[in-house]
Amino acid sequence: MEHNKQQDILESMLDEYIAILDKYYPDVIDNIGYSGSNFHSRISRYFRHYKKTPFYFSGELKFVHWTSLNSLSSIVNNSEVRLYNLINSEDKEEFSYAGKLLSLSEPQISTIKDSYFTASFCSYENLNSKYLWKKYGKDYSGVAIVFSLIDNRDKWENFFLSKVYYKLDAKFENFQREIDDLKRKYNGHPTFMSDIWRFAGFFKKEQYEDEKEVRLSYIFPFKNEVEYLRYVRKELKIEIGRNRIVSYIPLKLWIDPNSSYLKTLDISERVNDTFSLTKPDLPQFKIEEIHFGNKCGLTPEEYYRFGRQLKEIFQWRLGYSIELPLNLYS
């Protein structure tokens, strides 16, 4: 009899937990269960399930990324876009700004940031932003790379593509408050574990609003330590007062499988040792345009010569042409 009573209490707790999840995050919870008085839930790992949420980017899949000339060379020579973990962020409150509303501890936040990989862009409509050229385009001494995204979003797992929001979502605080109330109702005995925190990486303070960021995130993508060691690369970042070792995941640029250039060289669509071979449905970026700032240090003659070589690299390595404006950007 006592066992049945205890089971009824646990089932009641579960029903109340499910009701809270359905209230704040309907249609995205993939798994719910419990062991003893420990309750858990997981949101779906498939991006296609988030179309009704604020975390599904529904705009044009054409983006701008500002960077330095050295970084451009790295992107071109390695034919890859890098997703860095949040340890690399200049914002000291990255993730914790929203994560703390979910009662995450500092050690938990640090662990999450280590395996929360992102790449930052802006929508194409922001290409002319003087603020972004000045801050991220190195005051016109850098470049703006225009990417398009091959639309295979319905196949993504553990990837999110979303706008960054510059005002906290009240859902976080309200959700956590109801969870805390539920714990108190049962004298603090049950624990409720959820990975709603995955959404916390899409919120930043209002002071960053001019960045108009769109963020691609790959969140806890690996099943075990072996996969992490196999696919995650390390990079030493040297900056005044901020030397650090950061982790990143390379995503190979899209290659045109029907390119006559690649067929001429008898090159397969993907190099055999790339990260993408083990996960065929990764996001695929294609570089469409490259805009050089007018303070990049190139003379018009050098820009013309360098641009011609860039076009050749893209044709023979990736199988398609890119657009380079006739003049430096100002």
C-alpha atoms as a PDB file:
ATOM      1  CA  MET A   1       0.000   0.000   0.000  1.00  0.00           C
ATOM      2  CA  GLU A   2       2.807   2.412   0.922  1.00  0.00           C
ATOM      3  CA  HIS A   3       4.548   1.661  -2.372  1.00  0.00           C
ATOM      4  CA  ASN A   4       1.387   2.451  -4.352  1.00  0.00           C
ATOM      5  CA  LYS A   5       0.977   5.736  -2.498  1.00  0.00           C
ATOM      6  CA  GLN A   6       4.565   6.738  -3.231  1.00  0.00           C
ATOM      7  CA  GLN A   7       4.117   5.809  -6.892  1.00  0.00           C
ATOM      8  CA  ASP A   8       0.969   7.934  -7.080  1.00  0.00           C
ATOM      9  CA  ILE A   9       2.905  10.914  -5.684  1.00  0.00           C
ATOM     10  CA  LEU A  10       5.671  10.456  -8.251  1.00  0.00           C
ATOM     11  CA  GLU A  11       3.133  10.242 -11.077  1.00  0.00           C
ATOM     12  CA  SER A  12       1.481  13.406  -9.778  1.00  0.00           C
ATOM     13  CA  MET A  13       4.865  15.178  -9.738  1.00  0.00           C
ATOM     14  CA  LEU A  14       5.493  14.026 -13.296  1.00  0.00           C
ATOM     15  CA  ASP A  15       2.108  15.303 -14.476  1.00  0.00           C
ATOM     16  CA  GLU A  16       2.759  18.704 -12.906  1.00  0.00           C
ATOM     17  CA  TYR A  17       6.248  18.831 -14.416  1.00  0.00           C
ATOM     18  CA  ILE A  18       4.875  18.002 -17.872  1.00  0.00           C
ATOM     19  CA  ALA A  19       2.226  20.714 -17.487  1.00  0.00           C
ATOM     20  CA  ILE A  20       4.914  23.332 -16.797  1.00  0.00           C
ATOM     21  CA  LEU A  21       6.991  22.184 -19.780  1.00  0.00           C
ATOM     22  CA  ASP A  22       3.941  22.255 -22.075  1.00  0.00           C
ATOM     23  CA  LYS A  23       3.020  25.721 -20.825  1.00  0.00           C
ATOM     24  CA  TYR A  24       6.355  27.324 -21.678  1.00  0.00           C
ATOM     25  CA  TYR A  25       7.920  25.098 -24.338  1.00  0.00           C
ATOM     26  CA  PRO A  26       5.177  23.202 -26.190  1.00  0.00           C
ATOM     27  CA  ASP A  27       6.043  20.862 -29.059  1.00  0.00           C
ATOM     28  CA  VAL A  28       9.822  20.840 -28.487  1.00  0.00           C
ATOM     29  CA  ILE A  29      10.170  18.436 -25.538  1.00  0.00           C
ATOM     30  CA  ASP A  30      11.425  15.134 -26.876  1.00  0.00           C
ATOM     31  CA  ASN A  31      11.902  13.001 -23.771  1.00  0.00           C
ATOM     32  CA  ILE A  32      10.498  13.114 -20.233  1.00  0.00           C
ATOM     33  CA  GLY A  33      10.961  10.620 -17.434  1.00  0.00           C
ATOM     34  CA  TYR A  34      12.025  10.015 -13.885  1.00  0.00           C
ATOM     35  CA  SER A  35      14.051   7.732 -11.659  1.00  0.00           C
ATOM     36  CA  GLY A  36      12.924   7.891  -8.075  1.00  0.00           C
ATOM     37  CA  SER A  37      12.368  11.563  -7.300  1.00  0.00           C
ATOM     38  CA  ASN A  38      14.770  12.720 -10.032  1.00  0.00           C
ATOM     39  CA  PHE A  39      12.866  14.051 -13.035  1.00  0.00           C
ATOM     40  CA  HIS A  40      14.395  14.882 -16.396  1.00  0.00           C
ATOM     41  CA  SER A  41      13.410  16.250 -19.784  1.00  0.00           C
ATOM     42  CA  ARG A  42      15.203  16.870 -23.068  1.00  0.00           C
ATOM     43  CA  ILE A  43      14.331  19.184 -25.915  1.00  0.00           C
ATOM     44  CA  SER A  44      14.431  17.802 -29.447  1.00  0.00           C
ATOM     45  CA  ARG A  45      17.816  17.549 -31.138  1.00  0.00           C
ATOM     46  CA  TYR A  46      16.216  18.161 -34.556  1.00  0.00           C
ATOM     47  CA  PHE A  47      16.191  21.780 -35.690  1.00  0.00           C
ATOM     48  CA  ARG A  48      13.049  21.301 -37.794  1.00  0.00           C
ATOM     49  CA  HIS A  49      11.021  20.977 -34.586  1.00  0.00           C
ATOM     50  CA  TYR A  50      11.685  24.620 -33.655  1.00  0.00           C
ATOM     51  CA  LYS A  51       9.842  26.329 -36.516  1.00  0.00           C
ATOM     52  CA  LYS A  52       7.207  27.717 -34.131  1.00  0.00           C
ATOM     53  CA  THR A  53       9.775  29.097 -31.680  1.00  0.00           C
ATOM     54  CA  PRO A  54      11.794  32.360 -31.722  1.00  0.00           C
ATOM     55  CA  PHE A  55      14.938  30.264 -32.206  1.00  0.00           C
ATOM     56  CA  TYR A  56      14.282  29.257 -35.820  1.00  0.00           C
ATOM     57  CA  PHE A  57      15.752  31.756 -38.274  1.00  0.00           C
ATOM     58  CA  SER A  58      13.215  32.182 -41.067  1.00  0.00           C
ATOM     59  CA  GLY A  59      14.804  35.030 -43.042  1.00  0.00           C
ATOM     60  CA  GLU A  60      16.928  34.948 -46.177  1.00  0.00           C
ATOM     61  CA  LEU A  61      19.805  32.484 -45.822  1.00  0.00           C
ATOM     62  CA  LYS A  62      22.404  35.039 -46.839  1.00  0.00           C
ATOM     63  CA  PHE A  63      24.746  36.442 -44.221  1.00  0.00           C
ATOM     64  CA  VAL A  64      27.727  38.724 -43.672  1.00  0.00           C
ATOM     65  CA  HIS A  65      30.745  37.967 -41.516  1.00  0.00           C
ATOM     66  CA  TRP A  66      33.376  40.645 -40.906  1.00  0.00           C
ATOM     67  CA  THR A  67      36.922  39.547 -40.211  1.00  0.00           C
ATOM     68  CA  SER A  68      40.604  40.320 -40.755  1.00  0.00           C
ATOM     69  CA  LEU A  69      42.657  39.615 -43.874  1.00  0.00           C
ATOM     70  CA  ASN A  70      44.537  36.887 -41.996  1.00  0.00           C
ATOM     71  CA  SER A  71      41.291  35.175 -41.039  1.00  0.00           C
ATOM     72  CA  LEU A  72      40.069  35.427 -44.629  1.00  0.00           C
ATOM     73  CA  SER A  73      43.243  33.644 -45.756  1.00  0.00           C
ATOM     74  CA  SER A  74      42.603  30.910 -43.189  1.00  0.00           C
ATOM     75  CA  ILE A  75      38.988  30.467 -44.328  1.00  0.00           C
ATOM     76  CA  VAL A  76      40.008  30.271 -47.984  1.00  0.00           C
ATOM     77  CA  ASN A  77      43.085  28.059 -47.572  1.00  0.00           C
ATOM     78  CA  ASN A  78      41.314  25.606 -45.265  1.00  0.00           C
ATOM     79  CA  SER A  79      37.960  25.867 -47.062  1.00  0.00           C
ATOM     80  CA  GLU A  80      36.183  26.021 -43.738  1.00  0.00           C
ATOM     81  CA  VAL A  81      34.136  28.120 -41.349  1.00  0.00           C
ATOM     82  CA  ARG A  82      35.006  27.760 -37.679  1.00  0.00           C
ATOM     83  CA  LEU A  83      32.550  27.478 -34.818  1.00  0.00           C
ATOM     84  CA  TYR A  84      34.286  28.580 -31.616  1.00  0.00           C
ATOM     85  CA  ASN A  85      33.160  27.647 -28.154  1.00  0.00           C
ATOM     86  CA  LEU A  86      31.762  30.394 -25.935  1.00  0.00           C
ATOM     87  CA  ILE A  87      34.996  30.547 -23.931  1.00  0.00           C
ATOM     88  CA  ASN A  88      36.228  32.620 -26.886  1.00  0.00           C
ATOM     89  CA  SER A  89      33.576  35.322 -26.467  1.00  0.00           C
ATOM     90  CA  GLU A  90      34.603  38.893 -25.640  1.00  0.00           C
ATOM     91  CA  ASP A  91      31.415  39.226 -23.594  1.00  0.00           C
ATOM     92  CA  LYS A  92      32.245  38.058 -20.066  1.00  0.00           C
ATOM     93  CA  GLU A  93      28.552  37.426 -19.421  1.00  0.00           C
ATOM     94  CA  GLU A  94      28.103  35.349 -22.558  1.00  0.00           C
ATOM     95  CA  PHE A  95      25.498  32.653 -21.856  1.00  0.00           C
ATOM     96  CA  SER A  96      25.451  33.363 -18.094  1.00  0.00           C
ATOM     97  CA  TYR A  97      23.326  36.483 -18.748  1.00  0.00           C
ATOM     98  CA  ALA A  98      20.313  34.260 -19.443  1.00  0.00           C
ATOM     99  CA  GLY A  99      21.644  31.035 -17.938  1.00  0.00           C
ATOM    100  CA  LYS A 100      21.565  32.385 -14.396  1.00  0.00           C
ATOM    101  CA  LEU A 101      17.793  32.792 -14.666  1.00  0.00           C
ATOM    102  CA  LEU A 102      17.634  29.004 -14.900  1.00  0.00           C
ATOM    103  CA  SER A 103      19.504  28.644 -11.595  1.00  0.00           C
ATOM    104  CA  LEU A 104      22.641  27.308 -13.276  1.00  0.00           C
ATOM    105  CA  SER A 105      25.767  27.444 -11.124  1.00  0.00           C
ATOM    106  CA  GLU A 106      29.042  28.969 -12.306  1.00  0.00           C
ATOM    107  CA  PRO A 107      30.673  25.507 -12.732  1.00  0.00           C
ATOM    108  CA  GLN A 108      27.666  24.356 -14.778  1.00  0.00           C
ATOM    109  CA  ILE A 109      27.820  27.477 -16.951  1.00  0.00           C
ATOM    110  CA  SER A 110      31.555  27.001 -17.513  1.00  0.00           C
ATOM    111  CA  THR A 111      31.041  23.370 -18.579  1.00  0.00           C
ATOM    112  CA  ILE A 112      28.262  24.343 -20.973  1.00  0.00           C
ATOM    113  CA  LYS A 113      30.279  27.174 -22.551  1.00  0.00           C
ATOM    114  CA  ASP A 114      33.136  24.764 -23.255  1.00  0.00           C
ATOM    115  CA  SER A 115      30.901  22.598 -25.474  1.00  0.00           C
ATOM    116  CA  TYR A 116      28.659  25.317 -26.910  1.00  0.00           C
ATOM    117  CA  PHE A 117      30.112  26.156 -30.339  1.00  0.00           C
ATOM    118  CA  THR A 118      29.000  29.175 -32.358  1.00  0.00           C
ATOM    119  CA  ALA A 119      29.674  31.205 -35.492  1.00  0.00           C
ATOM    120  CA  SER A 120      28.388  34.768 -35.725  1.00  0.00           C
ATOM    121  CA  PHE A 121      26.930  36.545 -38.738  1.00  0.00           C
ATOM    122  CA  CYS A 122      24.582  39.371 -39.650  1.00  0.00           C
ATOM    123  CA  SER A 123      21.799  39.337 -42.197  1.00  0.00           C
ATOM    124  CA  TYR A 124      22.889  40.468 -45.659  1.00  0.00           C
ATOM    125  CA  GLU A 125      20.865  43.673 -45.335  1.00  0.00           C
ATOM    126  CA  ASN A 126      23.453  44.912 -42.797  1.00  0.00           C
ATOM    127  CA  LEU A 127      26.375  44.873 -45.246  1.00  0.00           C
ATOM    128  CA  ASN A 128      26.435  48.686 -45.325  1.00  0.00           C
ATOM    129  CA  SER A 129      26.448  49.120 -41.532  1.00  0.00           C
ATOM    130  CA  LYS A 130      29.157  51.644 -40.629  1.00  0.00           C
ATOM    131  CA  TYR A 131      29.070  50.425 -37.026  1.00  0.00           C
ATOM    132  CA  LEU A 132      29.785  46.820 -38.019  1.00  0.00           C
ATOM    133  CA  TRP A 133      32.466  47.798 -40.517  1.00  0.00           C
ATOM    134  CA  LYS A 134      34.157  49.881 -37.845  1.00  0.00           C
ATOM    135  CA  LYS A 135      33.944  47.308 -35.028  1.00  0.00           C
ATOM    136  CA  TYR A 136      34.306  43.966 -36.787  1.00  0.00           C
ATOM    137  CA  GLY A 137      35.687  45.104 -40.132  1.00  0.00           C
ATOM    138  CA  LYS A 138      38.666  46.610 -38.295  1.00  0.00           C
ATOM    139  CA  ASP A 139      37.622  50.157 -39.264  1.00  0.00           C
ATOM    140  CA  TYR A 140      37.586  49.221 -42.967  1.00  0.00           C
ATOM    141  CA  SER A 141      40.989  47.517 -42.792  1.00  0.00           C
ATOM    142  CA  GLY A 142      39.341  44.081 -42.822  1.00  0.00           C
ATOM    143  CA  VAL A 143      36.882  42.293 -45.079  1.00  0.00           C
ATOM    144  CA  ALA A 144      33.199  41.417 -45.181  1.00  0.00           C
ATOM    145  CA  ILE A 145      32.511  37.885 -46.398  1.00  0.00           C
ATOM    146  CA  VAL A 146      29.036  37.189 -47.748  1.00  0.00           C
ATOM    147  CA  PHE A 147      27.888  33.605 -47.211  1.00  0.00           C
ATOM    148  CA  SER A 148      24.801  31.798 -48.372  1.00  0.00           C
ATOM    149  CA  LEU A 149      23.593  28.675 -46.628  1.00  0.00           C
ATOM    150  CA  ILE A 150      22.572  25.558 -48.527  1.00  0.00           C
ATOM    151  CA  ASP A 151      19.123  24.896 -47.103  1.00  0.00           C
ATOM    152  CA  ASN A 152      19.298  21.458 -45.515  1.00  0.00           C
ATOM    153  CA  ARG A 153      17.966  22.712 -42.153  1.00  0.00           C
ATOM    154  CA  ASP A 154      15.344  19.983 -41.841  1.00  0.00           C
ATOM    155  CA  LYS A 155      18.180  17.463 -41.475  1.00  0.00           C
ATOM    156  CA  TRP A 156      20.201  19.269 -38.799  1.00  0.00           C
ATOM    157  CA  GLU A 157      20.835  17.649 -35.438  1.00  0.00           C
ATOM    158  CA  ASN A 158      22.032  19.699 -32.431  1.00  0.00           C
ATOM    159  CA  PHE A 159      22.331  22.808 -34.625  1.00  0.00           C
ATOM    160  CA  PHE A 160      20.383  26.017 -34.135  1.00  0.00           C
ATOM    161  CA  LEU A 161      20.273  29.043 -36.433  1.00  0.00           C
ATOM    162  CA  SER A 162      18.656  31.982 -34.677  1.00  0.00           C
ATOM    163  CA  LYS A 163      18.675  35.707 -34.215  1.00  0.00           C
ATOM    164  CA  VAL A 164      20.319  36.878 -31.017  1.00  0.00           C
ATOM    165  CA  TYR A 165      17.886  38.697 -28.728  1.00  0.00           C
ATOM    166  CA  TYR A 166      18.898  41.683 -26.648  1.00  0.00           C
ATOM    167  CA  LYS A 167      16.161  41.510 -24.065  1.00  0.00           C
ATOM    168  CA  LEU A 168      15.760  38.575 -21.713  1.00  0.00           C
ATOM    169  CA  ASP A 169      12.903  36.197 -22.357  1.00  0.00           C
ATOM    170  CA  ALA A 170      10.531  36.279 -19.376  1.00  0.00           C
ATOM    171  CA  LYS A 171       9.850  32.595 -20.029  1.00  0.00           C
ATOM    172  CA  PHE A 172      13.187  31.645 -18.474  1.00  0.00           C
ATOM    173  CA  GLU A 173      12.483  33.302 -15.149  1.00  0.00           C
ATOM    174  CA  ASN A 174       8.820  32.269 -15.048  1.00  0.00           C
ATOM    175  CA  PHE A 175       9.642  28.689 -15.994  1.00  0.00           C
ATOM    176  CA  GLN A 176      12.285  28.420 -13.285  1.00  0.00           C
ATOM    177  CA  ARG A 177       9.992  30.020 -10.703  1.00  0.00           C
ATOM    178  CA  GLU A 178       7.285  27.426 -11.326  1.00  0.00           C
ATOM    179  CA  ILE A 179       9.860  24.633 -11.136  1.00  0.00           C
ATOM    180  CA  ASP A 180      11.083  26.008  -7.797  1.00  0.00           C
ATOM    181  CA  ASP A 181       7.481  26.266  -6.570  1.00  0.00           C
ATOM    182  CA  LEU A 182       6.928  22.638  -7.549  1.00  0.00           C
ATOM    183  CA  LYS A 183      10.006  21.567  -5.575  1.00  0.00           C
ATOM    184  CA  ARG A 184       8.799  23.470  -2.509  1.00  0.00           C
ATOM    185  CA  LYS A 185       5.368  21.901  -2.820  1.00  0.00           C
ATOM    186  CA  TYR A 186       7.029  18.525  -2.278  1.00  0.00           C
ATOM    187  CA  ASN A 187       9.366  19.752   0.483  1.00  0.00           C
ATOM    188  CA  GLY A 188      12.339  20.199  -1.833  1.00  0.00           C
ATOM    189  CA  HIS A 189      12.855  16.481  -2.379  1.00  0.00           C
ATOM    190  CA  PRO A 190      12.457  16.148  -6.157  1.00  0.00           C
ATOM    191  CA  THR A 191      15.020  17.408  -8.667  1.00  0.00           C
ATOM    192  CA  PHE A 192      14.023  18.598 -12.123  1.00  0.00           C
ATOM    193  CA  MET A 193      16.693  18.514 -14.827  1.00  0.00           C
ATOM    194  CA  SER A 194      16.043  20.129 -18.192  1.00  0.00           C
ATOM    195  CA  ASP A 195      18.204  21.322 -21.083  1.00  0.00           C
ATOM    196  CA  ILE A 196      16.097  24.425 -21.748  1.00  0.00           C
ATOM    197  CA  TRP A 197      19.423  26.189 -21.092  1.00  0.00           C
ATOM    198  CA  ARG A 198      20.314  25.523 -24.751  1.00  0.00           C
ATOM    199  CA  PHE A 199      18.263  28.618 -25.609  1.00  0.00           C
ATOM    200  CA  ALA A 200      20.294  30.811 -23.237  1.00  0.00           C
ATOM    201  CA  GLY A 201      23.061  31.170 -25.821  1.00  0.00           C
ATOM    202  CA  PHE A 202      20.804  33.387 -27.943  1.00  0.00           C
ATOM    203  CA  PHE A 203      20.501  36.256 -25.479  1.00  0.00           C
ATOM    204  CA  LYS A 204      22.904  39.133 -24.909  1.00  0.00           C
ATOM    205  CA  LYS A 205      22.679  42.419 -23.056  1.00  0.00           C
ATOM    206  CA  GLU A 206      21.002  45.408 -24.687  1.00  0.00           C
ATOM    207  CA  GLN A 207      24.360  47.165 -25.107  1.00  0.00           C
ATOM    208  CA  TYR A 208      25.166  44.710 -27.943  1.00  0.00           C
ATOM    209  CA  GLU A 209      21.966  45.381 -29.883  1.00  0.00           C
ATOM    210  CA  ASP A 210      23.743  47.210 -32.730  1.00  0.00           C
ATOM    211  CA  GLU A 211      25.522  43.951 -33.593  1.00  0.00           C
ATOM    212  CA  LYS A 212      22.264  42.524 -35.032  1.00  0.00           C
ATOM    213  CA  GLU A 213      23.754  39.068 -34.708  1.00  0.00           C
ATOM    214  CA  VAL A 214      22.499  35.863 -36.257  1.00  0.00           C
ATOM    215  CA  ARG A 215      24.111  32.890 -34.577  1.00  0.00           C
ATOM    216  CA  LEU A 216      24.717  29.340 -35.733  1.00  0.00           C
ATOM    217  CA  SER A 217      25.202  27.124 -32.692  1.00  0.00           C
ATOM    218  CA  TYR A 218      26.295  23.514 -32.349  1.00  0.00           C
ATOM    219  CA  ILE A 219      25.498  22.465 -28.799  1.00  0.00           C
ATOM    220  CA  PHE A 220      27.016  19.452 -27.017  1.00  0.00           C
ATOM    221  CA  PRO A 221      27.355  17.639 -30.349  1.00  0.00           C
ATOM    222  CA  PHE A 222      29.460  14.675 -29.277  1.00  0.00           C
ATOM    223  CA  LYS A 223      28.403  11.392 -27.744  1.00  0.00           C
ATOM    224  CA  ASN A 224      31.633  10.783 -25.855  1.00  0.00           C
ATOM    225  CA  GLU A 225      35.122  12.066 -25.083  1.00  0.00           C
ATOM    226  CA  VAL A 226      36.634  10.182 -28.022  1.00  0.00           C
ATOM    227  CA  GLU A 227      34.470  12.108 -30.505  1.00  0.00           C
ATOM    228  CA  TYR A 228      35.353  15.375 -28.774  1.00  0.00           C
ATOM    229  CA  LEU A 229      39.075  14.660 -29.026  1.00  0.00           C
ATOM    230  CA  ARG A 230      38.724  13.589 -32.646  1.00  0.00           C
ATOM    231  CA  TYR A 231      36.817  16.571 -33.995  1.00  0.00           C
ATOM    232  CA  VAL A 232      37.564  19.577 -31.778  1.00  0.00           C
ATOM    233  CA  ARG A 233      40.622  21.662 -32.685  1.00  0.00           C
ATOM    234  CA  LYS A 234      42.597  23.947 -30.377  1.00  0.00           C
ATOM    235  CA  GLU A 235      43.879  27.417 -31.142  1.00  0.00           C
ATOM    236  CA  LEU A 236      46.084  29.790 -29.146  1.00  0.00           C
ATOM    237  CA  LYS A 237      44.668  33.327 -29.232  1.00  0.00           C
ATOM    238  CA  ILE A 238      47.207  36.060 -28.482  1.00  0.00           C
ATOM    239  CA  GLU A 239      45.601  39.365 -27.498  1.00  0.00           C
ATOM    240  CA  ILE A 240      46.777  42.041 -25.077  1.00  0.00           C
ATOM    241  CA  GLY A 241      45.468  41.106 -21.641  1.00  0.00           C
ATOM    242  CA  ARG A 242      43.467  38.174 -23.009  1.00  0.00           C
ATOM    243  CA  ASN A 243      45.757  35.344 -24.113  1.00  0.00           C
ATOM    244  CA  ARG A 244      43.806  32.096 -24.136  1.00  0.00           C
ATOM    245  CA  ILE A 245      43.400  28.657 -25.666  1.00  0.00           C
ATOM    246  CA  VAL A 246      40.062  28.233 -27.398  1.00  0.00           C
ATOM    247  CA  SER A 247      38.346  25.271 -29.012  1.00  0.00           C
ATOM    248  CA  TYR A 248      36.605  25.213 -32.362  1.00  0.00           C
ATOM    249  CA  ILE A 249      34.885  22.893 -34.793  1.00  0.00           C
ATOM    250  CA  PRO A 250      35.594  23.343 -38.523  1.00  0.00           C
ATOM    251  CA  LEU A 251      32.702  23.192 -40.976  1.00  0.00           C
ATOM    252  CA  LYS A 252      33.824  22.650 -44.538  1.00  0.00           C
ATOM    253  CA  LEU A 253      32.577  25.084 -47.168  1.00  0.00           C
ATOM    254  CA  TRP A 254      30.142  23.793 -49.751  1.00  0.00           C
ATOM    255  CA  ILE A 255      31.724  22.228 -52.827  1.00  0.00           C
ATOM    256  CA  ASP A 256      29.874  22.117 -56.135  1.00  0.00           C
ATOM    257  CA  PRO A 257      29.611  18.371 -56.861  1.00  0.00           C
ATOM    258  CA  ASN A 258      28.973  19.038 -60.550  1.00  0.00           C
ATOM    259  CA  SER A 259      31.889  21.394 -61.070  1.00  0.00           C
ATOM    260  CA  SER A 260      33.802  20.895 -64.296  1.00  0.00           C
ATOM    261  CA  TYR A 261      36.885  22.316 -62.537  1.00  0.00           C
ATOM    262  CA  LEU A 262      36.915  19.543 -59.937  1.00  0.00           C
ATOM    263  CA  LYS A 263      36.200  16.896 -62.548  1.00  0.00           C
ATOM    264  CA  THR A 264      39.177  18.161 -64.538  1.00  0.00           C
ATOM    265  CA  LEU A 265      41.413  17.667 -61.494  1.00  0.00           C
ATOM    266  CA  ASP A 266      39.707  14.349 -60.628  1.00  0.00           C
ATOM    267  CA  ILE A 267      38.967  15.540 -57.073  1.00  0.00           C
ATOM    268  CA  SER A 268      36.211  13.946 -55.025  1.00  0.00           C
ATOM    269  CA  GLU A 269      33.467  16.130 -53.568  1.00  0.00           C
ATOM    270  CA  ARG A 270      35.003  16.047 -50.086  1.00  0.00           C
ATOM    271  CA  VAL A 271      38.507  15.389 -48.863  1.00  0.00           C
ATOM    272  CA  ASN A 272      38.602  12.058 -47.049  1.00  0.00           C
ATOM    273  CA  ASP A 273      39.707  13.251 -43.624  1.00  0.00           C
ATOM    274  CA  THR A 274      37.177  16.066 -43.107  1.00  0.00           C
ATOM    275  CA  PHE A 275      34.899  16.396 -40.131  1.00  0.00           C
ATOM    276  CA  SER A 276      31.872  16.484 -42.396  1.00  0.00           C
ATOM    277  CA  LEU A 277      32.260  12.924 -43.651  1.00  0.00           C
ATOM    278  CA  THR A 278      31.083  11.454 -40.358  1.00  0.00           C
ATOM    279  CA  LYS A 279      27.996  13.693 -40.300  1.00  0.00           C
ATOM    280  CA  PRO A 280      26.670  14.230 -43.827  1.00  0.00           C
ATOM    281  CA  ASP A 281      23.863  16.625 -42.862  1.00  0.00           C
ATOM    282  CA  LEU A 282      25.918  19.494 -41.479  1.00  0.00           C
ATOM    283  CA  PRO A 283      25.204  23.125 -42.404  1.00  0.00           C
ATOM    284  CA  GLN A 284      26.957  23.990 -45.653  1.00  0.00           C
ATOM    285  CA  PHE A 285      28.132  27.538 -46.311  1.00  0.00           C
ATOM    286  CA  LYS A 286      28.954  28.922 -49.724  1.00  0.00           C
ATOM    287  CA  ILE A 287      30.974  32.128 -50.094  1.00  0.00           C
ATOM    288  CA  GLU A 288      29.161  34.426 -52.532  1.00  0.00           C
ATOM    289  CA  GLU A 289      31.023  37.743 -52.224  1.00  0.00           C
ATOM    290  CA  ILE A 290      34.087  39.244 -50.532  1.00  0.00           C
ATOM    291  CA  HIS A 291      34.281  42.979 -49.847  1.00  0.00           C
ATOM    292  CA  PHE A 292      37.668  44.466 -48.943  1.00  0.00           C
ATOM    293  CA  GLY A 293      37.682  47.598 -46.795  1.00  0.00           C
ATOM    294  CA  ASN A 294      39.372  50.645 -48.304  1.00  0.00           C
ATOM    295  CA  LYS A 295      41.967  50.651 -45.494  1.00  0.00           C
ATOM    296  CA  CYS A 296      43.039  47.038 -46.057  1.00  0.00           C
ATOM    297  CA  GLY A 297      46.467  48.129 -47.306  1.00  0.00           C
ATOM    298  CA  LEU A 298      46.085  47.020 -50.919  1.00  0.00           C
ATOM    299  CA  THR A 299      46.609  49.385 -53.824  1.00  0.00           C
ATOM    300  CA  PRO A 300      44.035  49.149 -56.647  1.00  0.00           C
ATOM    301  CA  GLU A 301      46.558  47.200 -58.717  1.00  0.00           C
ATOM    302  CA  GLU A 302      47.309  44.792 -55.860  1.00  0.00           C
ATOM    303  CA  TYR A 303      43.597  44.361 -55.163  1.00  0.00           C
ATOM    304  CA  TYR A 304      42.948  43.468 -58.800  1.00  0.00           C
ATOM    305  CA  ARG A 305      45.800  40.940 -58.867  1.00  0.00           C
ATOM    306  CA  PHE A 306      44.894  39.409 -55.505  1.00  0.00           C
ATOM    307  CA  GLY A 307      41.219  39.235 -56.443  1.00  0.00           C
ATOM    308  CA  ARG A 308      42.013  37.362 -59.640  1.00  0.00           C
ATOM    309  CA  GLN A 309      43.987  34.772 -57.657  1.00  0.00           C
ATOM    310  CA  LEU A 310      41.168  34.447 -55.131  1.00  0.00           C
ATOM    311  CA  LYS A 311      38.706  33.680 -57.902  1.00  0.00           C
ATOM    312  CA  GLU A 312      41.023  31.002 -59.272  1.00  0.00           C
ATOM    313  CA  ILE A 313      41.333  29.388 -55.837  1.00  0.00           C
ATOM    314  CA  PHE A 314      37.546  29.178 -55.496  1.00  0.00           C
ATOM    315  CA  GLN A 315      37.072  27.821 -58.994  1.00  0.00           C
ATOM    316  CA  TRP A 316      39.678  25.067 -58.669  1.00  0.00           C
ATOM    317  CA  ARG A 317      39.208  24.204 -55.000  1.00  0.00           C
ATOM    318  CA  LEU A 318      35.462  24.612 -54.471  1.00  0.00           C
ATOM    319  CA  GLY A 319      34.174  24.514 -58.014  1.00  0.00           C
ATOM    320  CA  TYR A 320      32.384  27.852 -58.257  1.00  0.00           C
ATOM    321  CA  SER A 321      32.984  31.567 -58.777  1.00  0.00           C
ATOM    322  CA  ILE A 322      32.683  34.362 -56.227  1.00  0.00           C
ATOM    323  CA  GLU A 323      31.836  38.015 -56.715  1.00  0.00           C
ATOM    324  CA  LEU A 324      34.498  40.618 -56.000  1.00  0.00           C
ATOM    325  CA  PRO A 325      33.457  44.285 -56.369  1.00  0.00           C
ATOM    326  CA  LEU A 326      35.517  46.409 -58.732  1.00  0.00           C
ATOM    327  CA  ASN A 327      36.545  48.803 -55.970  1.00  0.00           C
ATOM    328  CA  LEU A 328      37.537  48.645 -52.311  1.00  0.00           C
ATOM    329  CA  TYR A 329      34.651  49.158 -49.881  1.00  0.00           C
ATOM    330  CA  SER A 330      34.200  52.555 -48.229  1.00  0.00           C
END
